[in-house]
Amino acid sequence: MKNTNFGHHKMKTNCVKIVVALYPFQAIEEGDLTLTKGEEYEVVDDSREHWWQVKNKYGEIGYIPSNYVEEKSTGGLGQHSCE
């Protein structure tokens, strides 16, 4: 039987999780990132339950409280398209 794996591991590289800040957050500690309400951020690492690492539109990366953001709507493409 032929191998039917068509390189699914490559699909993840095109998947970017975007979140929108629900509330402002002022970075306090080194490694935190300030959030601006309504701004979009790219999730870099969401493996920790309460603190996610995100990247802002300027390319700055830092940790933010995960309950201050919500995942941006994917426009009907499926909410779990990254999995």
Protein backbone atom coordinates (compact mmCIF):
# COMPACT_ATOMS: atom_id res chain seq x y z
CA MET A 1 0.00 0.00 0.00
CA LYS A 2 1.27 3.49 -0.83
CA ASN A 3 2.04 6.05 1.82
CA THR A 4 -0.90 8.47 1.84
CA ASN A 5 0.79 11.08 4.03
CA PHE A 6 1.00 14.12 1.78
CA GLY A 7 3.27 16.18 4.00
CA HIS A 8 0.69 17.39 6.50
CA HIS A 9 3.51 18.65 8.71
CA LYS A 10 4.00 21.53 6.27
CA MET A 11 0.45 22.84 6.73
CA LYS A 12 1.23 24.25 10.17
CA THR A 13 3.68 26.80 8.76
CA ASN A 14 0.82 28.69 7.07
CA CYS A 15 -1.28 28.76 10.22
CA VAL A 16 -1.14 31.95 12.28
CA LYS A 17 -3.31 32.42 15.36
CA ILE A 18 -4.40 36.03 15.70
CA VAL A 19 -5.92 37.46 18.87
CA VAL A 20 -7.53 40.83 19.58
CA ALA A 21 -6.97 42.69 22.86
CA LEU A 22 -10.19 43.08 24.84
CA TYR A 23 -8.56 45.26 27.49
CA PRO A 24 -5.44 47.42 27.77
CA PHE A 25 -2.49 45.90 29.62
CA GLN A 26 0.63 47.76 30.70
CA ALA A 27 3.80 45.69 30.63
CA ILE A 28 5.30 45.69 34.12
CA GLU A 29 7.99 43.03 34.17
CA GLU A 30 10.74 42.47 31.64
CA GLY A 31 9.45 40.11 28.98
CA ASP A 32 5.86 41.39 29.15
CA LEU A 33 4.20 43.17 26.23
CA THR A 34 1.84 46.14 26.49
CA LEU A 35 -1.60 45.53 24.99
CA THR A 36 -3.72 48.18 23.31
CA LYS A 37 -7.46 47.49 23.34
CA GLY A 38 -8.68 46.55 19.86
CA GLU A 39 -5.20 45.82 18.46
CA GLU A 40 -4.36 42.48 16.86
CA TYR A 41 -1.47 40.29 17.99
CA GLU A 42 0.07 37.13 16.54
CA VAL A 43 0.31 34.28 19.03
CA VAL A 44 3.85 32.91 19.25
CA ASP A 45 3.34 30.48 22.16
CA ASP A 46 0.07 29.62 23.90
CA SER A 47 1.32 26.54 25.75
CA ARG A 48 1.02 28.24 29.14
CA GLU A 49 -2.50 28.54 30.49
CA HIS A 50 -2.51 32.12 31.77
CA TRP A 51 0.36 33.86 29.95
CA TRP A 52 0.76 33.74 26.18
CA GLN A 53 3.69 34.99 24.17
CA VAL A 54 2.54 37.25 21.34
CA LYS A 55 4.00 39.54 18.68
CA ASN A 56 2.65 43.02 18.00
CA LYS A 57 2.51 44.90 14.69
CA TYR A 58 5.99 46.32 15.35
CA GLY A 59 7.53 42.85 15.69
CA GLU A 60 7.96 43.14 19.47
CA ILE A 61 7.44 39.89 21.36
CA GLY A 62 6.37 39.47 24.96
CA TYR A 63 3.98 37.82 27.40
CA ILE A 64 0.40 38.95 27.98
CA PRO A 65 -2.42 37.64 30.18
CA SER A 66 -4.39 35.23 28.00
CA ASN A 67 -7.73 36.33 29.46
CA TYR A 68 -7.16 39.86 28.08
CA VAL A 69 -7.47 38.67 24.47
CA GLU A 70 -9.85 36.65 22.31
CA GLU A 71 -9.14 34.74 19.14
CA LYS A 72 -10.03 36.70 16.03
CA SER A 73 -12.87 35.27 13.99
CA THR A 74 -11.63 33.24 11.04
CA GLY A 75 -14.49 34.33 8.81
CA GLY A 76 -16.16 30.93 8.58
CA LEU A 77 -13.01 28.99 7.77
CA GLY A 78 -13.26 27.03 10.99
CA GLN A 79 -12.05 28.11 14.38
CA HIS A 80 -9.58 25.26 14.79
CA SER A 81 -7.91 25.44 11.38
CA CYS A 82 -4.49 25.49 13.07
CA GLU A 83 -4.76 22.05 14.66
